[in-house]
Amino acid sequence: MSATFDDLRVLKIAEEIADSIWKRAAHWDKFAREVVGVQLAKAADSIGANIAESFGRFHFGEKLQFLYFARGSLFETKHWLNRAQSRELMPLAEAQQHASQLTDLVRQLNTFANSLKNVRAGEQRSPKTLRELAADYTVDNWQNFPETLFADAELDWLNS
């Protein structure tokens, strides 16, 4: 990844969404916070946490795995937003705004994951090792070669 951790656009967007959801859920009554708010806030925080963890991983497979975790948390967040809206804890317009932001974010996550896959595929196509091209080895005057290259007496030392 060429960006620095602090420059990750997908992470910044995830953090903005999580902070906005936190501010809303923090004002709900105790029952609503415990049943919906905690789950919603954890799911939203988990999106950014998994993007951040992905950035810290070395291997492409691990990076992708954490981006997929982030995407899963994103869909969990959408679920809890639906619950918050249907239970009248959040106005429809606000829930729709968050859902729209999450839809944009999932597209960016997918693009980010696909770019990692392309980088990985590029490295697999152009390995950083030097290989000698296969050469045709021929023997000139092969008719002049003796039928056996070594006499049995010359190879006796191998048996001792």
N, C-alpha and C. Protein backbone atom coordinates (compact mmCIF):
# COMPACT_ATOMS: atom_id res chain seq x y z
N MET A 1 0.84 -1.16 0.00
CA MET A 1 0.00 0.00 0.00
C MET A 1 0.89 1.23 0.00
N SER A 2 0.61 2.15 -0.87
CA SER A 2 1.49 3.29 -0.99
C SER A 2 1.12 4.42 -0.03
N ALA A 3 -0.12 4.49 0.41
CA ALA A 3 -0.55 5.54 1.33
C ALA A 3 -0.03 5.26 2.73
N THR A 4 0.08 6.34 3.49
CA THR A 4 0.43 6.14 4.90
C THR A 4 -0.84 5.82 5.67
N PHE A 5 -0.69 5.34 6.85
CA PHE A 5 -1.83 4.96 7.67
C PHE A 5 -2.79 6.14 7.84
N ASP A 6 -2.26 7.31 8.13
CA ASP A 6 -3.10 8.49 8.38
C ASP A 6 -3.77 9.02 7.11
N ASP A 7 -3.32 8.58 5.94
CA ASP A 7 -3.89 9.04 4.68
C ASP A 7 -4.96 8.12 4.13
N LEU A 8 -5.22 7.00 4.79
CA LEU A 8 -6.20 6.04 4.26
C LEU A 8 -7.59 6.66 4.26
N ARG A 9 -8.09 6.92 3.07
CA ARG A 9 -9.40 7.56 2.93
C ARG A 9 -10.52 6.68 3.50
N VAL A 10 -10.45 5.38 3.21
CA VAL A 10 -11.51 4.48 3.70
C VAL A 10 -11.53 4.46 5.22
N LEU A 11 -10.38 4.56 5.83
CA LEU A 11 -10.32 4.57 7.30
C LEU A 11 -10.93 5.86 7.85
N LYS A 12 -10.61 6.98 7.24
CA LYS A 12 -11.17 8.26 7.70
C LYS A 12 -12.69 8.26 7.60
N ILE A 13 -13.22 7.75 6.52
CA ILE A 13 -14.67 7.71 6.34
C ILE A 13 -15.30 6.79 7.39
N ALA A 14 -14.69 5.63 7.60
CA ALA A 14 -15.20 4.69 8.61
C ALA A 14 -15.20 5.33 10.00
N GLU A 15 -14.15 6.08 10.32
CA GLU A 15 -14.07 6.74 11.61
C GLU A 15 -15.15 7.82 11.76
N GLU A 16 -15.40 8.57 10.69
CA GLU A 16 -16.44 9.61 10.74
C GLU A 16 -17.81 9.00 10.98
N ILE A 17 -18.10 7.91 10.29
CA ILE A 17 -19.39 7.23 10.47
C ILE A 17 -19.51 6.71 11.89
N ALA A 18 -18.47 6.05 12.39
CA ALA A 18 -18.50 5.48 13.74
C ALA A 18 -18.69 6.57 14.80
N ASP A 19 -17.98 7.70 14.63
CA ASP A 19 -18.11 8.78 15.62
C ASP A 19 -19.50 9.39 15.60
N SER A 20 -20.08 9.52 14.43
CA SER A 20 -21.44 10.07 14.32
C SER A 20 -22.46 9.14 14.98
N ILE A 21 -22.31 7.85 14.74
CA ILE A 21 -23.21 6.87 15.35
C ILE A 21 -23.04 6.87 16.87
N TRP A 22 -21.81 6.95 17.34
CA TRP A 22 -21.53 6.98 18.78
C TRP A 22 -22.24 8.15 19.45
N LYS A 23 -22.11 9.33 18.83
CA LYS A 23 -22.72 10.53 19.41
C LYS A 23 -24.23 10.37 19.52
N ARG A 24 -24.85 9.75 18.54
CA ARG A 24 -26.31 9.55 18.57
C ARG A 24 -26.67 8.52 19.66
N ALA A 25 -26.02 7.36 19.64
CA ALA A 25 -26.39 6.27 20.56
C ALA A 25 -26.09 6.61 22.02
N ALA A 26 -25.13 7.48 22.26
CA ALA A 26 -24.76 7.85 23.63
C ALA A 26 -25.91 8.54 24.35
N HIS A 27 -26.85 9.11 23.63
CA HIS A 27 -27.96 9.85 24.25
C HIS A 27 -29.23 9.02 24.40
N TRP A 28 -29.20 7.78 23.98
CA TRP A 28 -30.39 6.94 24.12
C TRP A 28 -30.54 6.53 25.58
N ASP A 29 -31.76 6.11 25.93
CA ASP A 29 -31.96 5.63 27.31
C ASP A 29 -31.19 4.32 27.50
N LYS A 30 -31.07 3.92 28.74
CA LYS A 30 -30.23 2.77 29.10
C LYS A 30 -30.60 1.51 28.33
N PHE A 31 -31.88 1.19 28.27
CA PHE A 31 -32.31 -0.03 27.59
C PHE A 31 -31.94 0.01 26.10
N ALA A 32 -32.23 1.11 25.43
CA ALA A 32 -31.90 1.25 24.00
C ALA A 32 -30.40 1.17 23.77
N ARG A 33 -29.62 1.80 24.64
CA ARG A 33 -28.15 1.73 24.51
C ARG A 33 -27.65 0.30 24.66
N GLU A 34 -28.17 -0.41 25.67
CA GLU A 34 -27.69 -1.78 25.94
C GLU A 34 -28.12 -2.76 24.86
N VAL A 35 -29.32 -2.60 24.32
CA VAL A 35 -29.82 -3.56 23.34
C VAL A 35 -29.33 -3.25 21.92
N VAL A 36 -29.44 -1.99 21.52
CA VAL A 36 -29.11 -1.62 20.13
C VAL A 36 -27.83 -0.79 20.06
N GLY A 37 -27.72 0.19 20.94
CA GLY A 37 -26.62 1.14 20.86
C GLY A 37 -25.24 0.52 20.95
N VAL A 38 -25.06 -0.37 21.92
CA VAL A 38 -23.75 -1.01 22.08
C VAL A 38 -23.39 -1.83 20.84
N GLN A 39 -24.36 -2.59 20.34
CA GLN A 39 -24.10 -3.41 19.15
C GLN A 39 -23.79 -2.54 17.94
N LEU A 40 -24.57 -1.48 17.77
CA LEU A 40 -24.38 -0.57 16.64
C LEU A 40 -23.02 0.11 16.71
N ALA A 41 -22.68 0.61 17.88
CA ALA A 41 -21.39 1.29 18.05
C ALA A 41 -20.22 0.33 17.85
N LYS A 42 -20.32 -0.88 18.38
CA LYS A 42 -19.24 -1.86 18.21
C LYS A 42 -19.07 -2.24 16.74
N ALA A 43 -20.19 -2.46 16.06
CA ALA A 43 -20.12 -2.83 14.64
C ALA A 43 -19.49 -1.70 13.84
N ALA A 44 -19.90 -0.47 14.10
CA ALA A 44 -19.37 0.68 13.36
C ALA A 44 -17.87 0.87 13.66
N ASP A 45 -17.50 0.75 14.94
CA ASP A 45 -16.07 0.87 15.30
C ASP A 45 -15.24 -0.24 14.68
N SER A 46 -15.83 -1.41 14.54
CA SER A 46 -15.12 -2.56 14.00
C SER A 46 -14.73 -2.39 12.53
N ILE A 47 -15.50 -1.59 11.80
CA ILE A 47 -15.16 -1.34 10.39
C ILE A 47 -13.77 -0.72 10.32
N GLY A 48 -13.60 0.40 11.01
CA GLY A 48 -12.30 1.09 10.99
C GLY A 48 -11.20 0.28 11.63
N ALA A 49 -11.53 -0.43 12.71
CA ALA A 49 -10.51 -1.24 13.39
C ALA A 49 -9.95 -2.31 12.46
N ASN A 50 -10.81 -2.94 11.68
CA ASN A 50 -10.33 -3.98 10.76
C ASN A 50 -9.58 -3.40 9.57
N ILE A 51 -9.97 -2.21 9.11
CA ILE A 51 -9.19 -1.55 8.05
C ILE A 51 -7.80 -1.23 8.59
N ALA A 52 -7.74 -0.71 9.81
CA ALA A 52 -6.45 -0.39 10.42
C ALA A 52 -5.60 -1.65 10.59
N GLU A 53 -6.22 -2.72 11.05
CA GLU A 53 -5.47 -3.97 11.22
C GLU A 53 -4.96 -4.49 9.88
N SER A 54 -5.76 -4.33 8.85
CA SER A 54 -5.35 -4.75 7.51
C SER A 54 -4.08 -4.00 7.09
N PHE A 55 -4.05 -2.70 7.36
CA PHE A 55 -2.90 -1.89 6.99
C PHE A 55 -1.63 -2.38 7.68
N GLY A 56 -1.77 -2.89 8.89
CA GLY A 56 -0.61 -3.33 9.66
C GLY A 56 -0.12 -4.72 9.32
N ARG A 57 -0.82 -5.42 8.46
CA ARG A 57 -0.42 -6.79 8.10
C ARG A 57 0.56 -6.78 6.95
N PHE A 58 1.42 -7.78 6.93
CA PHE A 58 2.46 -7.86 5.90
C PHE A 58 2.00 -8.64 4.68
N HIS A 59 1.36 -9.76 4.90
CA HIS A 59 0.99 -10.65 3.79
C HIS A 59 -0.34 -10.23 3.18
N PHE A 60 -0.41 -10.34 1.86
CA PHE A 60 -1.61 -9.92 1.14
C PHE A 60 -2.85 -10.67 1.62
N GLY A 61 -2.70 -11.96 1.88
CA GLY A 61 -3.84 -12.75 2.32
C GLY A 61 -4.42 -12.21 3.62
N GLU A 62 -3.54 -11.83 4.54
CA GLU A 62 -3.99 -11.27 5.81
C GLU A 62 -4.63 -9.89 5.61
N LYS A 63 -4.02 -9.09 4.74
CA LYS A 63 -4.59 -7.77 4.45
C LYS A 63 -6.01 -7.92 3.93
N LEU A 64 -6.18 -8.81 2.97
CA LEU A 64 -7.51 -9.04 2.39
C LEU A 64 -8.48 -9.58 3.44
N GLN A 65 -8.02 -10.49 4.26
CA GLN A 65 -8.88 -11.08 5.28
C GLN A 65 -9.47 -9.99 6.18
N PHE A 66 -8.64 -9.04 6.61
CA PHE A 66 -9.13 -7.99 7.50
C PHE A 66 -10.02 -6.99 6.76
N LEU A 67 -9.76 -6.79 5.47
CA LEU A 67 -10.68 -5.94 4.70
C LEU A 67 -12.04 -6.62 4.57
N TYR A 68 -12.04 -7.94 4.44
CA TYR A 68 -13.31 -8.67 4.38
C TYR A 68 -14.01 -8.63 5.74
N PHE A 69 -13.25 -8.67 6.83
CA PHE A 69 -13.85 -8.52 8.16
C PHE A 69 -14.50 -7.13 8.27
N ALA A 70 -13.80 -6.11 7.76
CA ALA A 70 -14.35 -4.75 7.79
C ALA A 70 -15.65 -4.69 7.02
N ARG A 71 -15.68 -5.35 5.87
CA ARG A 71 -16.91 -5.37 5.07
C ARG A 71 -18.03 -6.08 5.82
N GLY A 72 -17.71 -7.15 6.51
CA GLY A 72 -18.72 -7.85 7.31
C GLY A 72 -19.25 -6.95 8.42
N SER A 73 -18.37 -6.22 9.07
CA SER A 73 -18.80 -5.29 10.12
C SER A 73 -19.65 -4.17 9.55
N LEU A 74 -19.35 -3.78 8.32
CA LEU A 74 -20.15 -2.75 7.67
C LEU A 74 -21.60 -3.22 7.49
N PHE A 75 -21.77 -4.45 7.04
CA PHE A 75 -23.12 -4.97 6.86
C PHE A 75 -23.81 -5.18 8.21
N GLU A 76 -23.05 -5.52 9.22
CA GLU A 76 -23.63 -5.62 10.56
C GLU A 76 -24.11 -4.25 11.02
N THR A 77 -23.32 -3.22 10.73
CA THR A 77 -23.70 -1.86 11.09
C THR A 77 -25.01 -1.47 10.40
N LYS A 78 -25.13 -1.85 9.12
CA LYS A 78 -26.38 -1.56 8.40
C LYS A 78 -27.56 -2.25 9.08
N HIS A 79 -27.36 -3.47 9.52
CA HIS A 79 -28.42 -4.19 10.22
C HIS A 79 -28.87 -3.41 11.46
N TRP A 80 -27.90 -2.99 12.27
CA TRP A 80 -28.24 -2.29 13.51
C TRP A 80 -28.82 -0.91 13.23
N LEU A 81 -28.42 -0.27 12.14
CA LEU A 81 -29.05 0.99 11.75
C LEU A 81 -30.53 0.76 11.44
N ASN A 82 -30.82 -0.33 10.73
CA ASN A 82 -32.21 -0.66 10.44
C ASN A 82 -33.00 -0.87 11.73
N ARG A 83 -32.39 -1.55 12.70
CA ARG A 83 -33.06 -1.77 13.98
C ARG A 83 -33.31 -0.43 14.69
N ALA A 84 -32.29 0.43 14.70
CA ALA A 84 -32.42 1.72 15.37
C ALA A 84 -33.53 2.55 14.74
N GLN A 85 -33.61 2.52 13.44
CA GLN A 85 -34.64 3.30 12.75
C GLN A 85 -36.02 2.70 12.98
N SER A 86 -36.13 1.38 12.87
CA SER A 86 -37.44 0.76 13.04
C SER A 86 -37.95 0.86 14.48
N ARG A 87 -37.04 1.02 15.44
CA ARG A 87 -37.43 1.14 16.85
C ARG A 87 -37.50 2.61 17.28
N GLU A 88 -37.47 3.46 16.26
CA GLU A 88 -37.62 4.91 16.46
C GLU A 88 -36.55 5.51 17.37
N LEU A 89 -35.35 4.96 17.29
CA LEU A 89 -34.23 5.50 18.04
C LEU A 89 -33.45 6.52 17.20
N MET A 90 -33.69 6.48 15.89
CA MET A 90 -32.98 7.35 14.98
C MET A 90 -33.97 7.76 13.88
N PRO A 91 -33.97 9.02 13.52
CA PRO A 91 -34.88 9.45 12.45
C PRO A 91 -34.52 8.76 11.12
N LEU A 92 -35.52 8.53 10.30
CA LEU A 92 -35.33 7.85 9.02
C LEU A 92 -34.26 8.53 8.18
N ALA A 93 -34.29 9.85 8.11
CA ALA A 93 -33.32 10.58 7.27
C ALA A 93 -31.89 10.33 7.74
N GLU A 94 -31.68 10.29 9.04
CA GLU A 94 -30.33 10.06 9.58
C GLU A 94 -29.88 8.62 9.29
N ALA A 95 -30.77 7.66 9.50
CA ALA A 95 -30.44 6.26 9.20
C ALA A 95 -30.12 6.09 7.73
N GLN A 96 -30.89 6.74 6.87
CA GLN A 96 -30.65 6.65 5.43
C GLN A 96 -29.33 7.30 5.05
N GLN A 97 -29.00 8.41 5.72
CA GLN A 97 -27.72 9.07 5.44
C GLN A 97 -26.55 8.15 5.80
N HIS A 98 -26.63 7.52 6.97
CA HIS A 98 -25.58 6.57 7.38
C HIS A 98 -25.52 5.39 6.41
N ALA A 99 -26.68 4.87 6.02
CA ALA A 99 -26.73 3.74 5.09
C ALA A 99 -26.10 4.12 3.76
N SER A 100 -26.35 5.33 3.30
CA SER A 100 -25.76 5.80 2.04
C SER A 100 -24.23 5.91 2.17
N GLN A 101 -23.77 6.43 3.30
CA GLN A 101 -22.33 6.52 3.54
C GLN A 101 -21.69 5.13 3.57
N LEU A 102 -22.39 4.19 4.20
CA LEU A 102 -21.87 2.82 4.27
C LEU A 102 -21.85 2.16 2.90
N THR A 103 -22.84 2.46 2.07
CA THR A 103 -22.86 1.92 0.71
C THR A 103 -21.66 2.44 -0.08
N ASP A 104 -21.37 3.73 0.05
CA ASP A 104 -20.19 4.30 -0.61
C ASP A 104 -18.92 3.67 -0.06
N LEU A 105 -18.89 3.48 1.25
CA LEU A 105 -17.71 2.90 1.89
C LEU A 105 -17.47 1.46 1.44
N VAL A 106 -18.53 0.67 1.30
CA VAL A 106 -18.34 -0.72 0.89
C VAL A 106 -17.79 -0.77 -0.54
N ARG A 107 -18.20 0.15 -1.38
CA ARG A 107 -17.64 0.21 -2.74
C ARG A 107 -16.15 0.52 -2.69
N GLN A 108 -15.78 1.46 -1.81
CA GLN A 108 -14.37 1.82 -1.67
C GLN A 108 -13.57 0.66 -1.09
N LEU A 109 -14.15 -0.05 -0.14
CA LEU A 109 -13.47 -1.23 0.43
C LEU A 109 -13.25 -2.29 -0.64
N ASN A 110 -14.27 -2.51 -1.47
CA ASN A 110 -14.13 -3.50 -2.55
C ASN A 110 -13.06 -3.07 -3.54
N THR A 111 -13.01 -1.79 -3.86
CA THR A 111 -11.98 -1.29 -4.77
C THR A 111 -10.60 -1.45 -4.14
N PHE A 112 -10.51 -1.14 -2.85
CA PHE A 112 -9.25 -1.27 -2.12
C PHE A 112 -8.79 -2.73 -2.13
N ALA A 113 -9.71 -3.66 -1.84
CA ALA A 113 -9.37 -5.09 -1.83
C ALA A 113 -8.96 -5.55 -3.22
N ASN A 114 -9.67 -5.10 -4.24
CA ASN A 114 -9.31 -5.50 -5.61
C ASN A 114 -7.96 -4.95 -6.02
N SER A 115 -7.62 -3.74 -5.57
CA SER A 115 -6.30 -3.19 -5.89
C SER A 115 -5.20 -4.03 -5.23
N LEU A 116 -5.46 -4.51 -4.01
CA LEU A 116 -4.49 -5.39 -3.35
C LEU A 116 -4.33 -6.69 -4.13
N LYS A 117 -5.46 -7.22 -4.60
CA LYS A 117 -5.40 -8.46 -5.38
C LYS A 117 -4.59 -8.25 -6.65
N ASN A 118 -4.77 -7.09 -7.29
CA ASN A 118 -4.03 -6.80 -8.52
C ASN A 118 -2.54 -6.65 -8.26
N VAL A 119 -2.19 -6.00 -7.15
CA VAL A 119 -0.77 -5.87 -6.79
C VAL A 119 -0.20 -7.26 -6.54
N ARG A 120 -0.95 -8.06 -5.81
CA ARG A 120 -0.49 -9.43 -5.50
C ARG A 120 -0.32 -10.23 -6.78
N ALA A 121 -1.30 -10.15 -7.68
CA ALA A 121 -1.21 -10.90 -8.94
C ALA A 121 -0.03 -10.42 -9.77
N GLY A 122 0.24 -9.12 -9.73
CA GLY A 122 1.39 -8.58 -10.47
C GLY A 122 2.69 -9.12 -9.96
N GLU A 123 2.80 -9.27 -8.64
CA GLU A 123 4.02 -9.82 -8.06
C GLU A 123 4.17 -11.30 -8.39
N GLN A 124 3.05 -12.01 -8.49
CA GLN A 124 3.13 -13.42 -8.83
C GLN A 124 3.52 -13.60 -10.29
N ARG A 125 3.13 -12.65 -11.15
CA ARG A 125 3.46 -12.75 -12.57
C ARG A 125 4.91 -12.37 -12.83
N SER A 126 5.45 -11.48 -12.02
CA SER A 126 6.83 -11.04 -12.24
C SER A 126 7.63 -11.28 -10.97
N PRO A 127 8.06 -12.51 -10.78
CA PRO A 127 8.80 -12.82 -9.55
C PRO A 127 10.12 -12.06 -9.50
N LYS A 128 10.62 -11.88 -8.30
CA LYS A 128 11.86 -11.15 -8.09
C LYS A 128 13.07 -12.08 -8.06
N THR A 129 12.95 -13.22 -8.73
CA THR A 129 14.07 -14.14 -8.80
C THR A 129 14.54 -14.21 -10.24
N LEU A 130 15.80 -14.47 -10.38
CA LEU A 130 16.40 -14.57 -11.71
C LEU A 130 16.41 -16.03 -12.12
N ARG A 131 15.92 -16.30 -13.28
CA ARG A 131 15.89 -17.67 -13.79
C ARG A 131 16.61 -17.72 -15.12
N GLU A 132 17.36 -18.76 -15.32
CA GLU A 132 18.04 -18.98 -16.59
C GLU A 132 17.05 -19.59 -17.56
N LEU A 133 17.07 -19.10 -18.76
CA LEU A 133 16.21 -19.67 -19.78
C LEU A 133 16.68 -21.09 -20.08
N ALA A 134 15.74 -21.95 -20.37
CA ALA A 134 16.09 -23.33 -20.71
C ALA A 134 16.88 -23.33 -22.01
N ALA A 135 17.95 -24.09 -22.03
CA ALA A 135 18.79 -24.14 -23.22
C ALA A 135 18.78 -25.56 -23.76
N ASP A 136 18.96 -25.65 -25.04
CA ASP A 136 19.10 -26.96 -25.66
C ASP A 136 20.57 -27.35 -25.60
N TYR A 137 20.84 -28.47 -24.93
CA TYR A 137 22.20 -28.96 -24.83
C TYR A 137 22.35 -30.08 -25.84
N THR A 138 23.34 -29.92 -26.67
CA THR A 138 23.57 -30.93 -27.71
C THR A 138 25.00 -31.45 -27.58
N VAL A 139 25.19 -32.63 -28.09
CA VAL A 139 26.51 -33.26 -28.06
C VAL A 139 26.96 -33.41 -29.52
N ASP A 140 28.06 -32.77 -29.84
CA ASP A 140 28.61 -32.94 -31.18
C ASP A 140 29.38 -34.25 -31.24
N ASN A 141 29.37 -34.86 -32.35
CA ASN A 141 30.10 -36.11 -32.60
C ASN A 141 29.72 -37.19 -31.60
N TRP A 142 28.47 -37.36 -31.29
CA TRP A 142 28.03 -38.35 -30.32
C TRP A 142 28.35 -39.76 -30.77
N GLN A 143 28.58 -39.93 -32.07
CA GLN A 143 28.92 -41.26 -32.58
C GLN A 143 30.29 -41.69 -32.08
N ASN A 144 31.17 -40.76 -31.73
CA ASN A 144 32.52 -41.08 -31.28
C ASN A 144 32.60 -41.38 -29.79
N PHE A 145 31.49 -41.25 -29.05
CA PHE A 145 31.49 -41.53 -27.63
C PHE A 145 31.54 -43.03 -27.43
N PRO A 146 32.28 -43.48 -26.40
CA PRO A 146 32.32 -44.93 -26.13
C PRO A 146 30.95 -45.38 -25.60
N GLU A 147 30.68 -46.66 -25.76
CA GLU A 147 29.39 -47.20 -25.31
C GLU A 147 29.23 -47.02 -23.81
N THR A 148 30.25 -47.19 -23.02
CA THR A 148 30.20 -46.94 -21.59
C THR A 148 31.23 -45.88 -21.27
N LEU A 149 30.85 -44.97 -20.44
CA LEU A 149 31.75 -43.88 -20.12
C LEU A 149 32.79 -44.28 -19.08
N PHE A 150 32.40 -45.17 -18.14
CA PHE A 150 33.33 -45.60 -17.10
C PHE A 150 33.34 -47.12 -17.05
N ALA A 151 34.54 -47.66 -16.88
CA ALA A 151 34.66 -49.10 -16.70
C ALA A 151 34.26 -49.44 -15.28
N ASP A 152 33.82 -50.68 -15.03
CA ASP A 152 33.41 -51.11 -13.69
C ASP A 152 34.52 -50.89 -12.68
N ALA A 153 35.74 -51.11 -13.05
CA ALA A 153 36.87 -50.95 -12.13
C ALA A 153 37.01 -49.51 -11.68
N GLU A 154 36.66 -48.58 -12.57
CA GLU A 154 36.77 -47.16 -12.23
C GLU A 154 35.70 -46.73 -11.21
N LEU A 155 34.60 -47.49 -11.11
CA LEU A 155 33.51 -47.14 -10.20
C LEU A 155 33.50 -47.96 -8.92
N ASP A 156 34.47 -48.86 -8.75
CA ASP A 156 34.53 -49.70 -7.54
C ASP A 156 34.64 -48.89 -6.26
N TRP A 157 35.27 -47.78 -6.29
CA TRP A 157 35.44 -46.97 -5.09
C TRP A 157 34.09 -46.51 -4.52
N LEU A 158 33.05 -46.45 -5.35
CA LEU A 158 31.73 -46.04 -4.86
C LEU A 158 31.12 -47.08 -3.93
N ASN A 159 31.46 -48.33 -4.09
CA ASN A 159 30.90 -49.38 -3.27
C ASN A 159 31.62 -49.55 -1.94
N SER A 160 32.74 -48.93 -1.73
CA SER A 160 33.47 -49.13 -0.47
C SER A 160 33.09 -48.16 0.59
